[in-house]
């Protein structure tokens, strides 16, 4: 058996072509970099211009118009504050809250009051149950509900409604789950 070595199979790399491709890639990257720098600086200038425009407009909005008397201007601001408060109260989904509470309330539990705090999302529930087992069932349903979190039993005590009826009066605090 005779082995032969073919010396002509060595691959040759055209260094000149590789250098030209590298130089072309570098030139292209420098052009893209300069374009991106131009866009970034123009956006920065636009941002500064918009900030100064915003400051100008806020200054105009916060100052009293020249032809409006001070008393009428303060009355107008009070009206705006009142209507903003009404809008904030209407934004809260009362029907959704009532539906979630109704779905979680089992048989044998009667609610006395429902006090939501719209800013913190906390709901204070006061009610009466036939027995502590009904109260425990109600708390379990609130825990399982996706609408409420951090369910805490604040207080409970036995109550005698009349000679034959006894029950448990309770106060629960929970937080409405964010959607």
N, C-alpha and C. Protein backbone atom coordinates (compact mmCIF):
# COMPACT_ATOMS: atom_id res chain seq x y z
N UNK A 1 0.83 -1.14 0.00
CA UNK A 1 0.00 0.00 0.00
C UNK A 1 0.90 1.24 0.00
N UNK A 2 0.50 2.16 -0.82
CA UNK A 2 1.37 3.30 -1.02
C UNK A 2 0.60 4.58 -0.71
N UNK A 3 1.10 5.35 0.23
CA UNK A 3 0.46 6.63 0.60
C UNK A 3 1.13 7.75 -0.16
N UNK A 4 0.27 8.65 -0.67
CA UNK A 4 0.84 9.81 -1.37
C UNK A 4 0.30 11.08 -0.74
N UNK A 5 1.09 12.03 -0.71
CA UNK A 5 0.68 13.32 -0.16
C UNK A 5 0.59 14.28 -1.32
N UNK A 6 -0.59 14.94 -1.40
CA UNK A 6 -0.81 15.92 -2.44
C UNK A 6 -0.59 17.29 -1.84
N UNK A 7 0.46 17.95 -2.20
CA UNK A 7 0.80 19.25 -1.63
C UNK A 7 -0.03 20.38 -2.24
N UNK A 8 -0.75 20.14 -3.29
CA UNK A 8 -1.53 21.18 -3.96
C UNK A 8 -2.90 21.38 -3.31
N UNK A 9 -3.27 20.61 -2.30
CA UNK A 9 -4.59 20.73 -1.69
C UNK A 9 -4.64 21.77 -0.58
N UNK A 10 -3.60 22.41 -0.30
CA UNK A 10 -3.59 23.43 0.73
C UNK A 10 -4.46 24.60 0.29
N UNK A 11 -5.33 25.09 1.23
CA UNK A 11 -6.22 26.19 0.86
C UNK A 11 -5.50 27.50 1.12
N UNK A 12 -5.63 28.35 0.18
CA UNK A 12 -5.00 29.66 0.26
C UNK A 12 -6.09 30.70 0.48
N UNK A 13 -5.85 31.64 1.40
CA UNK A 13 -6.79 32.72 1.68
C UNK A 13 -6.26 33.96 0.99
N UNK A 14 -7.17 34.62 0.28
CA UNK A 14 -6.79 35.85 -0.41
C UNK A 14 -6.80 36.99 0.62
N UNK A 15 -5.64 37.30 1.15
CA UNK A 15 -5.52 38.31 2.20
C UNK A 15 -5.98 39.68 1.72
N UNK A 16 -5.79 39.99 0.50
CA UNK A 16 -6.19 41.30 -0.03
C UNK A 16 -7.71 41.45 -0.01
N UNK A 17 -8.43 40.39 -0.40
CA UNK A 17 -9.89 40.41 -0.40
C UNK A 17 -10.44 40.48 1.03
N UNK A 18 -9.82 39.75 1.94
CA UNK A 18 -10.25 39.79 3.34
C UNK A 18 -10.03 41.19 3.91
N UNK A 19 -8.92 41.80 3.62
CA UNK A 19 -8.65 43.16 4.10
C UNK A 19 -9.65 44.15 3.53
N UNK A 20 -9.98 44.04 2.26
CA UNK A 20 -10.96 44.94 1.65
C UNK A 20 -12.34 44.79 2.29
N UNK A 21 -12.74 43.56 2.59
CA UNK A 21 -14.03 43.32 3.24
C UNK A 21 -14.03 43.91 4.65
N UNK A 22 -12.93 43.74 5.37
CA UNK A 22 -12.84 44.30 6.73
C UNK A 22 -12.89 45.83 6.69
N UNK A 23 -12.17 46.45 5.76
CA UNK A 23 -12.19 47.91 5.65
C UNK A 23 -13.58 48.41 5.28
N UNK A 24 -14.25 47.71 4.39
CA UNK A 24 -15.61 48.11 4.01
C UNK A 24 -16.57 47.97 5.21
N UNK A 25 -16.41 46.91 6.00
CA UNK A 25 -17.26 46.73 7.18
C UNK A 25 -16.99 47.83 8.21
N UNK A 26 -15.72 48.20 8.40
CA UNK A 26 -15.38 49.26 9.35
C UNK A 26 -15.97 50.59 8.90
N UNK A 27 -15.85 50.90 7.60
CA UNK A 27 -16.41 52.14 7.08
C UNK A 27 -17.93 52.16 7.27
N UNK A 28 -18.57 51.05 6.99
CA UNK A 28 -20.03 50.96 7.16
C UNK A 28 -20.41 51.14 8.63
N UNK A 29 -19.69 50.53 9.56
CA UNK A 29 -19.97 50.67 10.98
C UNK A 29 -19.75 52.09 11.47
N UNK A 30 -18.72 52.77 10.95
CA UNK A 30 -18.47 54.16 11.33
C UNK A 30 -19.60 55.05 10.83
N UNK A 31 -20.09 54.78 9.61
CA UNK A 31 -21.23 55.55 9.09
C UNK A 31 -22.48 55.34 9.94
N UNK A 32 -22.76 54.10 10.32
CA UNK A 32 -23.93 53.81 11.16
C UNK A 32 -23.77 54.47 12.53
N UNK A 33 -22.55 54.41 13.09
CA UNK A 33 -22.30 55.05 14.38
C UNK A 33 -22.51 56.56 14.31
N UNK A 34 -22.00 57.19 13.25
CA UNK A 34 -22.17 58.64 13.13
C UNK A 34 -23.64 59.00 12.94
N UNK A 35 -24.38 58.21 12.19
CA UNK A 35 -25.82 58.46 12.01
C UNK A 35 -26.55 58.33 13.35
N UNK A 36 -26.23 57.29 14.13
CA UNK A 36 -26.87 57.12 15.43
C UNK A 36 -26.52 58.26 16.39
N UNK A 37 -25.28 58.74 16.36
CA UNK A 37 -24.90 59.88 17.19
C UNK A 37 -25.68 61.12 16.78
N UNK A 38 -25.82 61.35 15.48
CA UNK A 38 -26.60 62.49 14.99
C UNK A 38 -28.04 62.41 15.46
N UNK A 39 -28.66 61.24 15.36
CA UNK A 39 -30.05 61.07 15.79
C UNK A 39 -30.16 61.26 17.30
N UNK A 40 -29.22 60.74 18.06
CA UNK A 40 -29.26 60.88 19.53
C UNK A 40 -29.15 62.34 19.93
N UNK A 41 -28.23 63.09 19.32
CA UNK A 41 -28.07 64.49 19.68
C UNK A 41 -29.26 65.33 19.24
N UNK A 42 -29.84 65.01 18.10
CA UNK A 42 -31.03 65.75 17.67
C UNK A 42 -32.21 65.44 18.60
N UNK A 43 -32.33 64.19 19.05
CA UNK A 43 -33.39 63.85 20.01
C UNK A 43 -33.16 64.54 21.35
N UNK A 44 -31.91 64.65 21.77
CA UNK A 44 -31.59 65.34 23.02
C UNK A 44 -31.97 66.81 22.93
N UNK A 45 -31.66 67.44 21.80
CA UNK A 45 -32.06 68.84 21.60
C UNK A 45 -33.57 69.00 21.60
N UNK A 46 -34.27 68.08 20.95
CA UNK A 46 -35.74 68.10 20.94
C UNK A 46 -36.29 67.91 22.35
N UNK A 47 -35.67 67.06 23.13
CA UNK A 47 -36.10 66.83 24.51
C UNK A 47 -35.96 68.10 25.34
N UNK A 48 -34.84 68.80 25.19
CA UNK A 48 -34.64 70.05 25.93
C UNK A 48 -35.66 71.11 25.49
N UNK A 49 -35.94 71.16 24.20
CA UNK A 49 -36.94 72.12 23.71
C UNK A 49 -38.32 71.80 24.27
N UNK A 50 -38.69 70.51 24.29
CA UNK A 50 -40.00 70.12 24.82
C UNK A 50 -40.10 70.40 26.32
N UNK A 51 -39.01 70.18 27.05
CA UNK A 51 -39.03 70.48 28.48
C UNK A 51 -39.25 71.97 28.73
N UNK A 52 -38.60 72.81 27.95
CA UNK A 52 -38.80 74.25 28.13
C UNK A 52 -40.21 74.65 27.73
N UNK A 53 -40.77 74.03 26.70
CA UNK A 53 -42.16 74.30 26.31
C UNK A 53 -43.13 73.87 27.41
N UNK A 54 -42.88 72.71 28.02
CA UNK A 54 -43.74 72.22 29.10
C UNK A 54 -43.68 73.18 30.28
N UNK A 55 -42.48 73.66 30.63
CA UNK A 55 -42.36 74.60 31.74
C UNK A 55 -43.11 75.90 31.43
N UNK A 56 -43.05 76.36 30.20
CA UNK A 56 -43.77 77.58 29.80
C UNK A 56 -45.27 77.38 29.93
N UNK A 57 -45.78 76.25 29.41
CA UNK A 57 -47.22 75.98 29.47
C UNK A 57 -47.70 75.77 30.90
N UNK A 58 -46.91 75.10 31.72
CA UNK A 58 -47.30 74.92 33.13
C UNK A 58 -47.32 76.26 33.86
N UNK A 59 -46.39 77.12 33.54
CA UNK A 59 -46.40 78.46 34.14
C UNK A 59 -47.64 79.23 33.76
N UNK A 60 -48.07 79.09 32.50
CA UNK A 60 -49.30 79.76 32.06
C UNK A 60 -50.53 79.17 32.74
N UNK A 61 -50.54 77.84 32.92
CA UNK A 61 -51.69 77.20 33.53
C UNK A 61 -51.80 77.50 35.02
N UNK A 62 -50.68 77.60 35.71
CA UNK A 62 -50.70 77.81 37.15
C UNK A 62 -50.95 79.26 37.54
N UNK A 63 -50.79 80.16 36.63
CA UNK A 63 -51.02 81.56 36.96
C UNK A 63 -52.46 81.94 36.64
N UNK A 64 -52.96 82.91 37.36
CA UNK A 64 -54.33 83.39 37.16
C UNK A 64 -54.37 84.24 35.91
N UNK A 65 -55.39 84.04 35.07
CA UNK A 65 -55.53 84.91 33.88
C UNK A 65 -55.69 86.37 34.30
N UNK A 66 -55.23 87.29 33.46
CA UNK A 66 -55.20 88.71 33.82
C UNK A 66 -56.59 89.32 33.92
N UNK A 67 -57.51 88.91 33.10
CA UNK A 67 -58.82 89.56 33.08
C UNK A 67 -59.85 88.92 34.00
N UNK A 68 -59.46 87.92 34.83
CA UNK A 68 -60.38 87.25 35.74
C UNK A 68 -60.10 87.73 37.16
N UNK A 69 -61.15 88.18 37.90
CA UNK A 69 -60.94 88.63 39.28
C UNK A 69 -60.52 87.47 40.19
N UNK A 70 -59.83 87.80 41.27
CA UNK A 70 -59.29 86.78 42.19
C UNK A 70 -60.39 85.94 42.81
N UNK A 71 -61.49 86.55 43.22
CA UNK A 71 -62.58 85.82 43.87
C UNK A 71 -63.20 84.81 42.90
N UNK A 72 -63.40 85.22 41.67
CA UNK A 72 -63.98 84.30 40.68
C UNK A 72 -63.00 83.18 40.34
N UNK A 73 -61.72 83.50 40.33
CA UNK A 73 -60.71 82.49 40.04
C UNK A 73 -60.66 81.43 41.15
N UNK A 74 -60.71 81.84 42.42
CA UNK A 74 -60.70 80.87 43.51
C UNK A 74 -61.99 80.04 43.52
N UNK A 75 -63.13 80.66 43.18
CA UNK A 75 -64.38 79.92 43.09
C UNK A 75 -64.28 78.86 41.99
N UNK A 76 -63.69 79.23 40.86
CA UNK A 76 -63.51 78.31 39.75
C UNK A 76 -62.60 77.15 40.14
N UNK A 77 -61.52 77.44 40.87
CA UNK A 77 -60.63 76.37 41.33
C UNK A 77 -61.34 75.44 42.30
N UNK A 78 -62.19 75.99 43.18
CA UNK A 78 -62.95 75.15 44.11
C UNK A 78 -63.93 74.26 43.35
N UNK A 79 -64.58 74.80 42.32
CA UNK A 79 -65.48 73.99 41.49
C UNK A 79 -64.74 72.88 40.78
N UNK A 80 -63.59 73.20 40.25
CA UNK A 80 -62.78 72.18 39.56
C UNK A 80 -62.38 71.08 40.53
N UNK A 81 -61.98 71.46 41.75
CA UNK A 81 -61.62 70.46 42.76
C UNK A 81 -62.80 69.58 43.12
N UNK A 82 -63.98 70.17 43.25
CA UNK A 82 -65.18 69.40 43.57
C UNK A 82 -65.47 68.39 42.47
N UNK A 83 -65.47 68.84 41.21
CA UNK A 83 -65.78 67.94 40.11
C UNK A 83 -64.71 66.87 39.92
N UNK A 84 -63.46 67.20 40.19
CA UNK A 84 -62.41 66.18 40.14
C UNK A 84 -62.65 65.11 41.20
N UNK A 85 -63.11 65.53 42.39
CA UNK A 85 -63.45 64.56 43.44
C UNK A 85 -64.60 63.65 43.02
N UNK A 86 -65.61 64.23 42.38
CA UNK A 86 -66.74 63.42 41.89
C UNK A 86 -66.25 62.41 40.86
N UNK A 87 -65.38 62.85 39.97
CA UNK A 87 -64.86 61.95 38.93
C UNK A 87 -64.05 60.82 39.57
N UNK A 88 -63.25 61.14 40.58
CA UNK A 88 -62.46 60.09 41.26
C UNK A 88 -63.37 59.07 41.93
N UNK A 89 -64.47 59.54 42.53
CA UNK A 89 -65.40 58.60 43.18
C UNK A 89 -66.12 57.75 42.15
N UNK A 90 -66.39 58.30 40.98
CA UNK A 90 -67.11 57.54 39.96
C UNK A 90 -66.20 56.52 39.26
N UNK A 91 -64.90 56.75 39.31
CA UNK A 91 -63.96 55.84 38.66
C UNK A 91 -63.95 54.49 39.38
N UNK A 92 -64.18 54.49 40.68
CA UNK A 92 -64.15 53.25 41.45
C UNK A 92 -65.31 52.35 41.02
N UNK A 93 -65.05 51.08 40.78
CA UNK A 93 -66.05 50.13 40.30
C UNK A 93 -66.83 49.55 41.48
N UNK A 94 -67.86 50.26 41.91
CA UNK A 94 -68.67 49.85 43.05
C UNK A 94 -69.42 48.57 42.75
N UNK A 95 -70.00 48.46 41.55
CA UNK A 95 -70.78 47.27 41.22
C UNK A 95 -69.90 46.02 41.19
N UNK A 96 -68.68 46.18 40.69
CA UNK A 96 -67.76 45.04 40.69
C UNK A 96 -67.41 44.60 42.10
N UNK A 97 -67.17 45.57 42.99
CA UNK A 97 -66.87 45.24 44.39
C UNK A 97 -68.06 44.52 45.03
N UNK A 98 -69.26 45.05 44.85
CA UNK A 98 -70.45 44.43 45.44
C UNK A 98 -70.67 43.02 44.89
N UNK A 99 -70.41 42.84 43.61
CA UNK A 99 -70.57 41.50 43.02
C UNK A 99 -69.56 40.52 43.61
N UNK A 100 -68.32 40.95 43.79
CA UNK A 100 -67.31 40.07 44.36
C UNK A 100 -67.65 39.71 45.81
N UNK A 101 -68.13 40.69 46.58
CA UNK A 101 -68.50 40.42 47.97
C UNK A 101 -69.70 39.48 48.01
N UNK A 102 -70.67 39.70 47.12
CA UNK A 102 -71.85 38.82 47.09
C UNK A 102 -71.47 37.39 46.72
N UNK A 103 -70.57 37.24 45.77
CA UNK A 103 -70.14 35.90 45.36
C UNK A 103 -69.40 35.17 46.49
N UNK A 104 -68.71 35.92 47.34
CA UNK A 104 -67.94 35.29 48.41
C UNK A 104 -68.76 35.06 49.68
N UNK A 105 -69.93 35.68 49.79
CA UNK A 105 -70.72 35.58 51.02
C UNK A 105 -71.58 34.31 51.00
N UNK A 106 -71.34 33.40 51.96
CA UNK A 106 -72.10 32.14 51.99
C UNK A 106 -73.45 32.32 52.72
N UNK A 107 -74.22 31.27 52.71
CA UNK A 107 -75.50 31.23 53.43
C UNK A 107 -75.20 31.29 54.93
N UNK A 108 -76.00 32.06 55.66
CA UNK A 108 -75.81 32.15 57.10
C UNK A 108 -74.96 33.33 57.52
N UNK A 109 -74.55 34.18 56.58
CA UNK A 109 -73.76 35.36 56.89
C UNK A 109 -74.51 36.58 56.35
N UNK A 110 -74.68 37.58 57.20
CA UNK A 110 -75.33 38.83 56.80
C UNK A 110 -74.35 39.97 57.02
N UNK A 111 -74.20 40.81 56.00
CA UNK A 111 -73.26 41.92 56.11
C UNK A 111 -73.99 43.16 56.63
N UNK A 112 -73.35 43.87 57.54
CA UNK A 112 -73.92 45.09 58.11
C UNK A 112 -73.38 46.32 57.39
N UNK A 113 -72.07 46.34 57.18
CA UNK A 113 -71.48 47.49 56.48
C UNK A 113 -70.28 47.05 55.66
N UNK A 114 -70.04 47.82 54.62
CA UNK A 114 -68.92 47.59 53.71
C UNK A 114 -68.28 48.95 53.49
N UNK A 115 -67.03 49.11 53.98
CA UNK A 115 -66.37 50.41 53.93
C UNK A 115 -65.08 50.28 53.11
N UNK A 116 -65.13 50.64 51.83
CA UNK A 116 -63.90 50.58 51.03
C UNK A 116 -63.10 51.88 51.13
N UNK A 117 -61.81 51.75 51.12
CA UNK A 117 -60.91 52.90 51.04
C UNK A 117 -60.30 52.87 49.64
N UNK A 118 -60.76 53.76 48.77
CA UNK A 118 -60.36 53.71 47.36
C UNK A 118 -58.88 54.04 47.15
N UNK A 119 -58.28 54.80 48.07
CA UNK A 119 -56.87 55.15 47.90
C UNK A 119 -55.94 53.98 48.20
N UNK A 120 -56.20 53.26 49.29
CA UNK A 120 -55.32 52.15 49.68
C UNK A 120 -55.81 50.81 49.14
N UNK A 121 -57.09 50.72 48.72
CA UNK A 121 -57.62 49.46 48.22
C UNK A 121 -58.09 48.54 49.33
N UNK A 122 -58.15 49.04 50.55
CA UNK A 122 -58.57 48.22 51.68
C UNK A 122 -60.09 48.27 51.83
N UNK A 123 -60.68 47.15 52.21
CA UNK A 123 -62.12 47.05 52.42
C UNK A 123 -62.34 46.53 53.83
N UNK A 124 -63.18 47.23 54.59
CA UNK A 124 -63.53 46.79 55.94
C UNK A 124 -64.97 46.28 55.88
N UNK A 125 -65.17 45.02 56.28
CA UNK A 125 -66.47 44.36 56.20
C UNK A 125 -66.92 44.05 57.62
N UNK A 126 -68.13 44.49 57.96
CA UNK A 126 -68.72 44.16 59.25
C UNK A 126 -69.99 43.38 58.99
N UNK A 127 -70.24 42.37 59.82
CA UNK A 127 -71.42 41.56 59.61
C UNK A 127 -71.71 40.64 60.77
N UNK A 128 -72.72 39.81 60.56
CA UNK A 128 -73.12 38.81 61.55
C UNK A 128 -73.25 37.46 60.87
N UNK A 129 -72.93 36.43 61.63
CA UNK A 129 -73.04 35.06 61.15
C UNK A 129 -73.81 34.24 62.18
N UNK A 130 -74.48 33.18 61.70
CA UNK A 130 -75.23 32.31 62.61
C UNK A 130 -74.30 31.62 63.60
N UNK A 131 -73.13 31.23 63.12
CA UNK A 131 -72.18 30.53 63.99
C UNK A 131 -70.76 30.87 63.54
N UNK A 132 -69.81 30.46 64.35
CA UNK A 132 -68.42 30.69 63.99
C UNK A 132 -68.04 29.86 62.77
N UNK A 133 -68.70 28.72 62.57
CA UNK A 133 -68.43 27.90 61.38
C UNK A 133 -68.82 28.66 60.11
N UNK A 134 -69.94 29.42 60.15
CA UNK A 134 -70.31 30.24 59.01
C UNK A 134 -69.27 31.34 58.76
N UNK A 135 -68.78 31.93 59.83
CA UNK A 135 -67.74 32.96 59.71
C UNK A 135 -66.47 32.38 59.11
N UNK A 136 -66.09 31.19 59.58
CA UNK A 136 -64.89 30.53 59.04
C UNK A 136 -65.08 30.23 57.56
N UNK A 137 -66.26 29.77 57.18
CA UNK A 137 -66.56 29.50 55.77
C UNK A 137 -66.45 30.78 54.94
N UNK A 138 -66.95 31.88 55.49
CA UNK A 138 -66.87 33.16 54.78
C UNK A 138 -65.42 33.60 54.59
N UNK A 139 -64.62 33.46 55.64
CA UNK A 139 -63.21 33.83 55.53
C UNK A 139 -62.48 32.96 54.51
N UNK A 140 -62.81 31.67 54.47
CA UNK A 140 -62.19 30.77 53.49
C UNK A 140 -62.56 31.19 52.07
N UNK A 141 -63.82 31.57 51.86
CA UNK A 141 -64.23 32.01 50.52
C UNK A 141 -63.54 33.31 50.12
N UNK A 142 -63.34 34.19 51.09
CA UNK A 142 -62.61 35.43 50.78
C UNK A 142 -61.15 35.13 50.43
N UNK A 143 -60.53 34.17 51.18
CA UNK A 143 -59.15 33.77 50.86
C UNK A 143 -59.06 33.19 49.46
N UNK A 144 -60.03 32.35 49.10
CA UNK A 144 -60.00 31.67 47.80
C UNK A 144 -60.35 32.60 46.65
N UNK A 145 -61.06 33.68 46.94
CA UNK A 145 -61.46 34.62 45.90
C UNK A 145 -60.24 35.32 45.32
N UNK A 146 -60.23 35.49 44.01
CA UNK A 146 -59.12 36.19 43.37
C UNK A 146 -59.26 37.70 43.52
N UNK A 147 -60.42 38.16 44.01
CA UNK A 147 -60.66 39.60 44.12
C UNK A 147 -60.09 40.19 45.40
N UNK A 148 -59.80 39.37 46.42
CA UNK A 148 -59.36 39.89 47.70
C UNK A 148 -58.05 39.23 48.13
N UNK A 149 -57.25 40.02 48.83
CA UNK A 149 -55.98 39.53 49.37
C UNK A 149 -55.82 40.06 50.79
N UNK A 150 -54.94 39.49 51.57
CA UNK A 150 -54.63 39.91 52.93
C UNK A 150 -55.90 39.99 53.78
N UNK A 151 -56.63 38.90 53.83
CA UNK A 151 -57.87 38.84 54.60
C UNK A 151 -57.52 38.65 56.07
N UNK A 152 -57.99 39.58 56.93
CA UNK A 152 -57.69 39.53 58.36
C UNK A 152 -58.98 39.66 59.16
N UNK A 153 -59.15 38.81 60.15
CA UNK A 153 -60.27 38.91 61.07
C UNK A 153 -59.86 39.88 62.18
N UNK A 154 -60.48 41.07 62.19
CA UNK A 154 -60.11 42.09 63.16
C UNK A 154 -60.76 41.84 64.52
N UNK A 155 -62.05 41.47 64.51
CA UNK A 155 -62.72 41.21 65.78
C UNK A 155 -63.90 40.28 65.55
N UNK A 156 -64.26 39.55 66.59
CA UNK A 156 -65.47 38.74 66.58
C UNK A 156 -65.92 38.53 68.02
N UNK A 157 -67.24 38.54 68.22
CA UNK A 157 -67.79 38.27 69.55
C UNK A 157 -69.21 37.75 69.40
N UNK A 158 -69.64 36.98 70.39
CA UNK A 158 -70.97 36.40 70.38
C UNK A 158 -72.00 37.49 70.63
N UNK A 159 -73.14 37.35 69.93
CA UNK A 159 -74.22 38.31 70.04
C UNK A 159 -75.52 37.56 70.26
N UNK A 160 -76.34 38.08 71.14
CA UNK A 160 -77.68 37.52 71.34
C UNK A 160 -78.67 38.48 70.70
N UNK A 161 -79.35 38.01 69.65
CA UNK A 161 -80.28 38.85 68.92
C UNK A 161 -81.63 38.89 69.64
N UNK A 162 -82.17 37.74 69.99
CA UNK A 162 -83.36 37.65 70.84
C UNK A 162 -83.20 36.42 71.71
N UNK A 163 -84.28 35.98 72.37
CA UNK A 163 -84.16 34.87 73.32
C UNK A 163 -83.66 33.59 72.67
N UNK A 164 -84.05 33.35 71.41
CA UNK A 164 -83.70 32.09 70.75
C UNK A 164 -82.54 32.20 69.78
N UNK A 165 -82.29 33.38 69.26
CA UNK A 165 -81.27 33.53 68.21
C UNK A 165 -79.97 34.06 68.79
N UNK A 166 -78.92 33.36 68.48
CA UNK A 166 -77.57 33.78 68.86
C UNK A 166 -76.73 33.80 67.59
N UNK A 167 -75.66 34.55 67.61
CA UNK A 167 -74.80 34.62 66.45
C UNK A 167 -73.44 35.18 66.81
N UNK A 168 -72.67 35.48 65.76
CA UNK A 168 -71.32 36.03 65.92
C UNK A 168 -71.26 37.31 65.12
N UNK A 169 -70.88 38.40 65.78
CA UNK A 169 -70.66 39.65 65.07
C UNK A 169 -69.16 39.75 64.78
N UNK A 170 -68.80 40.19 63.57
CA UNK A 170 -67.40 40.17 63.17
C UNK A 170 -67.04 41.42 62.39
N UNK A 171 -65.75 41.67 62.32
CA UNK A 171 -65.17 42.72 61.49
C UNK A 171 -63.97 42.12 60.77
N UNK A 172 -63.98 42.24 59.44
CA UNK A 172 -62.91 41.69 58.60
C UNK A 172 -62.30 42.83 57.80
N UNK A 173 -61.00 42.80 57.66
CA UNK A 173 -60.29 43.75 56.80
C UNK A 173 -59.61 42.95 55.70
N UNK A 174 -59.77 43.41 54.48
CA UNK A 174 -59.08 42.76 53.35
C UNK A 174 -58.69 43.82 52.33
N UNK A 175 -57.85 43.45 51.43
CA UNK A 175 -57.36 44.34 50.40
C UNK A 175 -57.86 43.84 49.05
N UNK A 176 -58.35 44.78 48.24
CA UNK A 176 -58.80 44.41 46.90
C UNK A 176 -57.57 44.08 46.06
N UNK A 177 -57.65 42.96 45.38
CA UNK A 177 -56.51 42.54 44.54
C UNK A 177 -56.44 43.47 43.33
N UNK A 178 -55.22 43.88 42.96
CA UNK A 178 -55.06 44.73 41.80
C UNK A 178 -55.24 43.92 40.53
N UNK A 179 -55.82 44.57 39.54
CA UNK A 179 -56.13 43.85 38.29
C UNK A 179 -55.21 44.29 37.20
